[in-house]
Amino acid sequence: MSSNNKLSFENTEIAFRHSSNTDLNRAYWLFRVINVNFLVKIGPPITNFAINIGLPIKGLIKATIFKHFCGGETIAECSNTIKNLADGGVGTILDYSIEGEDDESVFDSTRDEIIRTIERAAQDKAIPLTVFKVTGVGRFSLLEKLDEGLKLNVDEQIEWQKIQDRVLAICEMAHSEDVPVMIDAEESWIQKTIDTLALNMMRFFNKEKAIVYNTYQLYRHDKLGSIIADFTVAEEEDFLMGAKIVRGAYMEKERKRAQERGYPPPIQPDKAATDRDYNDALVFCADHVDRIAFVAGTHNEDSCRLLADLLDQKQIDHKNPHVYFSQLLGMSDNLSFNLANAKYNVAKYVPYGPIKAVLPYLFRRAQENTAIAGQMSRELGLIVKEKKRRIAR
């Protein structure tokens, strides 16, 4: 059914044009290691132990896995990555990847850093979108208590107000600088509170343009319904909806918690159901593109092809600001750069932050990728194909 015959995800020359031979070799060995599930499982505890007792492995991490999947430790250090992506027509989403903190001063400094990413984006067309996690600016266990509907004491009420104020400050800056900001999805047992916050921010700031986006994880069986319900609210109350559509990042954790606590897991029964709902969400958003601005965050070639075809079939301009494709830095370059070459809007997530603070993100990426059947083999196969092409030149 493809109407876009010029778009190929097999063109490794375009996919890796931005990568030197050294970059390709590093990627090859990284994905070889990630492909070994045992190493991925034992890596996080060994690495954390080594760093905590002062073993000099920080430099090794920065030169390998950090260099491949992250832009740097600061916004300034991300400049080369931003330029490299922009040269290939791909935008950058600066993602300050600090998580799991519980100190008020850290939450304030994280808010300030996220605001700095918005200020940087306002000055640079190569950064079309920004992002943050609510758990970056608020305590996880408090969000959990709110989701459970438990009563807060006076101190907790003050703390909750501070979280709302930080989220408001970020969204206010995004609105004043005319830079879209995405609120990331998180675990299901805090997501209801995040969803409420995100919808309220849309009400405030999405009157004339989609500035605030919520994130919908379609590995949850209820999230296609959430997209449709939120769109209905947006129509009734006359604001634009912002939606980032992803499959999801917490599946193993969701299964484990549901099993331990004896409740039905909120995730889909199988991958086919996830794929079906994901693609149905893309169709729904494309059908309402005048009222929904959406980011298709996916490493799935079929979903990327579907959305590319939908835009052509519905005669939606490839550069319509309401439609973006998105992948993670260091992965699926065959999707990102070939889509950009075909003049679609594409932006890569570029995580950054202090190495030790970003380690949880890096480990989660590795563990997710080993859980996706064929993902690492696909990455390796494309790298090998490009290495052979270069040798044969």
Protein backbone atom coordinates (compact mmCIF):
# COMPACT_ATOMS: atom_id res chain seq x y z
CA MET A 1 0.00 0.00 0.00
CA SER A 2 3.06 2.23 0.11
CA SER A 3 2.57 5.48 -1.73
CA ASN A 4 6.04 6.73 -0.91
CA ASN A 5 8.30 4.62 -3.07
CA LYS A 6 11.31 6.94 -2.71
CA LEU A 7 11.55 6.35 1.05
CA SER A 8 13.89 3.50 1.89
CA PHE A 9 15.04 2.45 5.36
CA GLU A 10 17.78 0.29 3.82
CA ASN A 11 19.93 3.17 2.56
CA THR A 12 22.90 2.95 4.92
CA GLU A 13 24.86 5.64 3.07
CA ILE A 14 22.25 8.21 4.12
CA ALA A 15 21.71 6.57 7.53
CA PHE A 16 25.39 6.75 8.53
CA ARG A 17 26.60 9.74 6.53
CA HIS A 18 27.16 11.58 9.81
CA SER A 19 29.21 8.71 11.31
CA SER A 20 32.98 8.36 10.90
CA ASN A 21 34.58 4.92 10.58
CA THR A 22 35.57 5.23 14.24
CA ASP A 23 31.94 5.97 15.17
CA LEU A 24 30.75 2.95 13.21
CA ASN A 25 33.31 0.64 14.85
CA ARG A 26 32.34 1.85 18.33
CA ALA A 27 28.66 1.32 17.54
CA TYR A 28 29.40 -2.17 16.20
CA TRP A 29 31.11 -3.31 19.40
CA LEU A 30 28.55 -1.60 21.65
CA PHE A 31 25.65 -3.37 19.98
CA ARG A 32 27.55 -6.65 20.06
CA VAL A 33 27.84 -6.28 23.84
CA ILE A 34 24.21 -5.17 24.26
CA ASN A 35 23.16 -8.20 22.25
CA VAL A 36 24.55 -10.39 25.04
CA ASN A 37 21.66 -10.37 27.49
CA PHE A 38 23.77 -11.71 30.36
CA LEU A 39 26.20 -8.77 30.16
CA VAL A 40 23.33 -6.28 30.10
CA LYS A 41 21.88 -7.82 33.29
CA ILE A 42 25.14 -7.85 35.27
CA GLY A 43 26.46 -4.55 33.89
CA PRO A 44 24.43 -2.07 36.00
CA PRO A 45 25.31 -3.45 39.48
CA ILE A 46 28.98 -3.94 38.57
CA THR A 47 29.25 -0.44 37.09
CA ASN A 48 27.51 1.24 40.02
CA PHE A 49 29.72 -0.64 42.47
CA ALA A 50 32.87 0.33 40.60
CA ILE A 51 31.91 4.02 40.50
CA ASN A 52 30.87 4.06 44.16
CA ILE A 53 34.19 2.65 45.36
CA GLY A 54 36.11 5.03 43.12
CA LEU A 55 37.41 2.73 40.38
CA PRO A 56 38.49 4.82 37.35
CA ILE A 57 35.88 3.60 34.87
CA LYS A 58 34.06 6.91 34.34
CA GLY A 59 36.38 7.77 31.47
CA LEU A 60 35.74 4.42 29.82
CA ILE A 61 31.97 4.87 30.10
CA LYS A 62 32.16 8.42 28.70
CA ALA A 63 34.22 7.25 25.72
CA THR A 64 31.92 4.34 24.86
CA ILE A 65 28.26 3.91 25.81
CA PHE A 66 27.82 7.52 27.01
CA LYS A 67 29.39 8.96 23.84
CA HIS A 68 27.13 6.83 21.65
CA PHE A 69 23.78 7.40 23.39
CA CYS A 70 24.26 10.86 25.02
CA GLY A 71 25.13 14.34 23.80
CA GLY A 72 27.38 15.32 26.71
CA GLU A 73 27.30 16.29 30.35
CA THR A 74 26.07 19.85 29.70
CA ILE A 75 24.05 21.70 27.06
CA ALA A 76 27.29 23.22 25.76
CA GLU A 77 28.83 19.75 25.36
CA CYS A 78 25.83 18.77 23.19
CA SER A 79 26.67 21.40 20.54
CA ASN A 80 28.60 19.04 18.26
CA THR A 81 25.81 16.45 18.38
CA ILE A 82 23.18 19.11 17.64
CA LYS A 83 25.17 20.29 14.61
CA ASN A 84 25.90 16.75 13.42
CA LEU A 85 22.20 15.87 13.48
CA ALA A 86 21.20 19.17 11.87
CA ASP A 87 23.62 18.55 8.99
CA GLY A 88 21.54 15.45 8.22
CA GLY A 89 18.25 17.36 8.51
CA VAL A 90 17.45 15.90 11.95
CA GLY A 91 16.43 18.07 14.89
CA THR A 92 17.50 17.66 18.52
CA ILE A 93 15.36 17.19 21.63
CA LEU A 94 17.58 18.01 24.61
CA ASP A 95 16.68 15.58 27.38
CA TYR A 96 18.17 16.35 30.80
CA SER A 97 18.20 12.77 32.03
CA ILE A 98 18.23 13.11 35.80
CA GLU A 99 15.86 10.75 37.61
CA GLY A 100 15.25 9.08 40.94
CA GLU A 101 16.16 12.07 43.12
CA ASP A 102 14.21 13.14 46.22
CA ASP A 103 15.77 16.44 47.32
CA GLU A 104 13.93 19.75 46.94
CA SER A 105 17.08 21.64 45.95
CA VAL A 106 17.75 19.08 43.20
CA PHE A 107 14.18 19.48 41.94
CA ASP A 108 14.65 23.27 41.76
CA SER A 109 17.96 22.98 39.91
CA THR A 110 16.43 20.43 37.50
CA ARG A 111 13.56 22.86 36.79
CA ASP A 112 16.13 25.58 36.07
CA GLU A 113 18.09 23.28 33.74
CA ILE A 114 14.95 22.32 31.81
CA ILE A 115 14.16 26.02 31.42
CA ARG A 116 17.69 26.47 30.03
CA THR A 117 16.96 23.82 27.38
CA ILE A 118 13.88 25.82 26.37
CA GLU A 119 15.91 29.04 26.20
CA ARG A 120 18.53 27.27 24.05
CA ALA A 121 15.80 25.88 21.76
CA ALA A 122 14.31 29.35 21.33
CA GLN A 123 17.63 30.49 19.83
CA ASP A 124 18.24 27.44 17.64
CA LYS A 125 15.94 26.05 14.93
CA ALA A 126 17.87 22.78 15.17
CA ILE A 127 16.07 22.17 18.51
CA PRO A 128 12.37 22.06 17.57
CA LEU A 129 11.04 20.38 20.75
CA THR A 130 11.89 20.08 24.44
CA VAL A 131 11.00 17.53 27.11
CA PHE A 132 10.96 16.80 30.83
CA LYS A 133 9.86 14.19 33.36
CA VAL A 134 7.63 15.19 36.27
CA THR A 135 9.77 12.92 38.51
CA GLY A 136 12.68 15.20 37.62
CA VAL A 137 10.95 18.01 39.54
CA GLY A 138 9.05 16.07 42.20
CA ARG A 139 9.27 13.10 44.54
CA PHE A 140 8.11 9.79 43.07
CA SER A 141 6.54 8.51 46.29
CA LEU A 142 4.42 11.65 46.64
CA LEU A 143 3.11 11.24 43.10
CA GLU A 144 2.37 7.61 43.96
CA LYS A 145 0.37 8.69 47.02
CA LEU A 146 -1.61 11.15 44.88
CA ASP A 147 -2.37 8.45 42.32
CA GLU A 148 -3.69 6.20 45.07
CA GLY A 149 -6.02 8.97 46.21
CA LEU A 150 -4.52 9.05 49.70
CA LYS A 151 -4.87 12.16 51.85
CA LEU A 152 -1.79 14.38 52.06
CA ASN A 153 -0.60 15.93 55.30
CA VAL A 154 0.19 19.65 55.46
CA ASP A 155 3.86 19.25 54.53
CA GLU A 156 2.95 17.01 51.60
CA GLN A 157 0.38 19.51 50.38
CA ILE A 158 3.08 22.19 50.37
CA GLU A 159 5.42 19.81 48.54
CA TRP A 160 2.75 19.00 45.94
CA GLN A 161 2.15 22.70 45.35
CA LYS A 162 5.89 23.13 44.69
CA ILE A 163 5.78 20.36 42.09
CA GLN A 164 2.84 22.03 40.34
CA ASP A 165 4.64 25.39 40.48
CA ARG A 166 7.77 23.89 38.87
CA VAL A 167 5.75 22.30 36.07
CA LEU A 168 3.89 25.59 35.57
CA ALA A 169 7.17 27.56 35.42
CA ILE A 170 8.52 25.21 32.73
CA CYS A 171 5.35 25.38 30.64
CA GLU A 172 5.11 29.17 31.06
CA MET A 173 8.65 29.52 29.71
CA ALA A 174 7.83 27.20 26.80
CA HIS A 175 4.78 29.30 26.00
CA SER A 176 6.59 32.64 26.25
CA GLU A 177 9.47 31.37 24.06
CA ASP A 178 7.11 29.60 21.61
CA VAL A 179 8.89 26.26 22.10
CA PRO A 180 6.83 23.04 22.39
CA VAL A 181 7.52 20.99 25.54
CA MET A 182 6.66 17.31 25.99
CA ILE A 183 5.82 15.82 29.39
CA ASP A 184 7.19 12.28 29.44
CA ALA A 185 5.12 9.28 30.48
CA GLU A 186 6.23 7.25 33.49
CA GLU A 187 5.10 4.23 35.52
CA SER A 188 1.35 3.49 35.54
CA TRP A 189 1.08 3.96 39.32
CA ILE A 190 1.98 7.67 39.05
CA GLN A 191 0.68 8.33 35.52
CA LYS A 192 -2.84 9.45 36.44
CA THR A 193 -1.42 12.43 38.36
CA ILE A 194 0.93 13.26 35.47
CA ASP A 195 -1.94 13.02 32.97
CA THR A 196 -4.04 15.44 35.02
CA LEU A 197 -1.15 17.90 35.25
CA ALA A 198 -0.45 17.66 31.52
CA LEU A 199 -4.09 18.19 30.52
CA ASN A 200 -4.31 21.24 32.79
CA MET A 201 -1.15 22.69 31.21
CA MET A 202 -2.69 22.14 27.76
CA ARG A 203 -5.80 24.02 28.88
CA PHE A 204 -3.64 27.00 29.90
CA PHE A 205 -1.12 27.13 27.08
CA ASN A 206 -2.53 25.40 23.98
CA LYS A 207 -5.20 27.93 23.04
CA GLU A 208 -3.52 29.17 19.85
CA LYS A 209 -0.71 26.66 19.34
CA ALA A 210 0.22 23.23 20.66
CA ILE A 211 2.90 24.07 23.25
CA VAL A 212 2.40 21.33 25.86
CA TYR A 213 2.33 17.65 24.85
CA ASN A 214 1.38 14.69 27.01
CA THR A 215 2.87 11.23 26.32
CA TYR A 216 0.79 8.11 25.69
CA GLN A 217 2.34 4.66 26.12
CA LEU A 218 0.47 2.30 23.81
CA TYR A 219 1.76 -0.86 25.47
CA ARG A 220 -0.99 0.03 27.96
CA HIS A 221 -4.34 -1.32 26.83
CA ASP A 222 -6.18 1.83 27.95
CA LYS A 223 -4.09 4.49 26.25
CA LEU A 224 -5.68 4.59 22.82
CA GLY A 225 -8.88 5.34 24.72
CA SER A 226 -7.04 8.09 26.66
CA ILE A 227 -5.94 9.78 23.43
CA ILE A 228 -9.51 9.83 22.11
CA ALA A 229 -10.92 11.01 25.47
CA ASP A 230 -8.34 13.82 25.81
CA PHE A 231 -9.01 14.91 22.23
CA THR A 232 -12.74 15.10 23.03
CA VAL A 233 -11.95 17.34 26.03
CA ALA A 234 -9.69 19.53 23.89
CA GLU A 235 -12.43 19.93 21.27
CA GLU A 236 -15.11 20.70 23.85
CA GLU A 237 -12.93 23.24 25.68
CA ASP A 238 -11.39 24.64 22.49
CA PHE A 239 -7.68 24.05 22.91
CA LEU A 240 -5.17 22.16 20.78
CA MET A 241 -3.97 18.75 21.88
CA GLY A 242 -0.29 17.82 22.01
CA ALA A 243 0.50 14.11 21.99
CA LYS A 244 3.69 12.11 21.95
CA ILE A 245 2.85 8.55 20.89
CA VAL A 246 5.21 5.81 22.09
CA ARG A 247 5.00 2.09 22.70
CA GLY A 248 6.48 2.47 26.19
CA ALA A 249 9.50 2.08 28.42
CA TYR A 250 8.48 0.30 31.64
CA MET A 251 6.93 -3.00 30.54
CA GLU A 252 9.06 -5.40 32.58
CA LYS A 253 8.68 -3.23 35.70
CA GLU A 254 4.90 -3.05 35.17
CA ARG A 255 4.60 -6.83 34.88
CA LYS A 256 6.74 -7.43 37.96
CA ARG A 257 4.82 -4.99 40.18
CA ALA A 258 1.43 -6.30 39.06
CA GLN A 259 2.51 -9.86 39.81
CA GLU A 260 3.94 -8.95 43.22
CA ARG A 261 0.83 -7.00 44.26
CA GLY A 262 -1.75 -9.29 42.68
CA TYR A 263 -3.52 -6.96 40.28
CA PRO A 264 -4.05 -7.31 36.50
CA PRO A 265 -1.16 -5.67 34.61
CA PRO A 266 -2.17 -2.55 32.65
CA ILE A 267 -0.17 -3.67 29.62
CA GLN A 268 -1.42 -5.21 26.39
CA PRO A 269 -1.76 -9.01 26.17
CA ASP A 270 0.86 -9.22 23.41
CA LYS A 271 3.02 -7.19 21.03
CA ALA A 272 0.46 -7.50 18.22
CA ALA A 273 -2.10 -5.66 20.37
CA THR A 274 0.45 -2.93 21.14
CA ASP A 275 1.31 -2.55 17.46
CA ARG A 276 -2.37 -2.40 16.51
CA ASP A 277 -3.18 0.32 19.06
CA TYR A 278 -0.03 2.27 18.20
CA ASN A 279 -0.86 2.33 14.51
CA ASP A 280 -4.52 3.13 15.23
CA ALA A 281 -3.31 6.09 17.32
CA LEU A 282 -1.25 7.36 14.37
CA VAL A 283 -4.29 7.10 12.10
CA PHE A 284 -6.47 8.95 14.64
CA CYS A 285 -3.92 11.75 15.03
CA ALA A 286 -3.40 12.09 11.28
CA ASP A 287 -7.20 12.22 10.81
CA HIS A 288 -7.32 15.19 13.22
CA VAL A 289 -4.01 16.85 12.37
CA ASP A 290 -5.56 20.32 12.38
CA ARG A 291 -6.39 19.89 16.11
CA ILE A 292 -3.66 17.48 17.28
CA ALA A 293 0.08 18.10 17.14
CA PHE A 294 1.81 14.77 17.57
CA VAL A 295 5.25 13.21 17.80
CA ALA A 296 5.56 9.58 16.70
CA GLY A 297 8.29 8.27 18.96
CA THR A 298 9.10 4.90 17.45
CA HIS A 299 11.89 2.60 16.30
CA ASN A 300 9.38 0.42 14.45
CA GLU A 301 9.87 0.55 10.69
CA ASP A 302 6.29 -0.49 9.90
CA SER A 303 4.86 2.33 12.01
CA CYS A 304 7.21 4.87 10.43
CA ARG A 305 6.23 3.65 6.98
CA LEU A 306 2.55 3.80 7.91
CA LEU A 307 2.76 7.41 9.10
CA ALA A 308 4.81 8.48 6.07
CA ASP A 309 2.18 6.92 3.81
CA LEU A 310 -0.68 8.46 5.79
CA LEU A 311 0.75 11.95 5.30
CA ASP A 312 1.00 11.38 1.56
CA GLN A 313 -2.44 9.79 1.26
CA LYS A 314 -4.08 12.62 3.22
CA GLN A 315 -1.99 15.23 1.38
CA ILE A 316 -0.51 16.50 4.63
CA ASP A 317 2.67 18.46 3.98
CA HIS A 318 5.81 16.61 5.11
CA LYS A 319 6.84 19.74 6.98
CA ASN A 320 3.50 20.24 8.75
CA PRO A 321 4.58 21.46 12.22
CA HIS A 322 1.96 19.21 13.83
CA VAL A 323 3.76 16.01 12.79
CA TYR A 324 7.18 14.77 13.93
CA PHE A 325 8.94 11.44 13.82
CA SER A 326 11.34 10.81 16.71
CA GLN A 327 13.99 8.27 17.67
CA LEU A 328 16.71 8.07 20.32
CA LEU A 329 20.25 9.25 19.71
CA GLY A 330 22.47 6.33 18.77
CA MET A 331 19.65 4.12 17.49
CA SER A 332 17.66 3.61 14.29
CA ASP A 333 19.65 6.08 12.23
CA ASN A 334 18.28 4.28 9.17
CA LEU A 335 14.85 5.63 10.15
CA SER A 336 15.81 9.12 11.30
CA PHE A 337 18.11 10.15 8.47
CA ASN A 338 16.19 8.51 5.64
CA LEU A 339 12.95 10.14 6.84
CA ALA A 340 14.74 13.49 7.08
CA ASN A 341 16.20 12.96 3.62
CA ALA A 342 12.62 12.49 2.36
CA LYS A 343 11.84 15.89 3.97
CA TYR A 344 9.75 14.70 6.91
CA ASN A 345 10.09 16.41 10.31
CA VAL A 346 12.41 14.29 12.45
CA ALA A 347 14.02 14.92 15.84
CA LYS A 348 16.29 12.73 17.96
CA TYR A 349 16.16 12.57 21.74
CA VAL A 350 19.60 13.69 22.94
CA PRO A 351 20.01 12.78 26.63
CA TYR A 352 22.62 14.68 28.62
CA GLY A 353 23.71 15.20 32.20
CA PRO A 354 26.42 14.11 34.64
CA ILE A 355 27.57 10.58 33.77
CA LYS A 356 26.64 9.00 37.11
CA ALA A 357 23.18 10.60 37.03
CA VAL A 358 22.54 9.43 33.46
CA LEU A 359 23.54 5.80 34.09
CA PRO A 360 19.97 4.66 34.97
CA TYR A 361 18.83 5.99 31.57
CA LEU A 362 21.65 4.18 29.77
CA PHE A 363 21.02 0.88 31.54
CA ARG A 364 17.30 1.10 30.81
CA ARG A 365 18.02 1.68 27.12
CA ALA A 366 20.26 -1.40 26.99
CA GLN A 367 17.76 -3.58 28.85
CA GLU A 368 14.83 -2.42 26.72
CA ASN A 369 16.72 -3.12 23.53
CA THR A 370 17.64 -6.67 24.47
CA ALA A 371 13.93 -7.22 25.19
CA ILE A 372 12.91 -6.10 21.68
CA ALA A 373 13.18 -9.12 19.43
CA GLY A 374 15.58 -8.46 16.58
CA GLN A 375 16.34 -4.80 17.46
CA MET A 376 20.04 -5.30 18.14
CA SER A 377 20.46 -7.72 15.24
CA ARG A 378 18.86 -5.10 13.00
CA GLU A 379 21.22 -2.37 14.24
CA LEU A 380 24.24 -4.64 13.82
CA GLY A 381 23.16 -5.75 10.36
CA LEU A 382 22.87 -2.16 9.12
CA ILE A 383 26.27 -1.23 10.58
CA VAL A 384 27.91 -4.25 8.94
CA LYS A 385 26.23 -3.37 5.63
CA GLU A 386 27.59 0.19 5.78
CA LYS A 387 31.10 -0.98 6.77
CA LYS A 388 31.12 -3.29 3.74
CA ARG A 389 29.83 -0.52 1.48
CA ARG A 390 32.64 1.77 2.58
CA ILE A 391 35.28 -0.89 2.06
CA ALA A 392 33.96 -1.60 -1.43
CA ARG A 393 34.06 2.07 -2.51
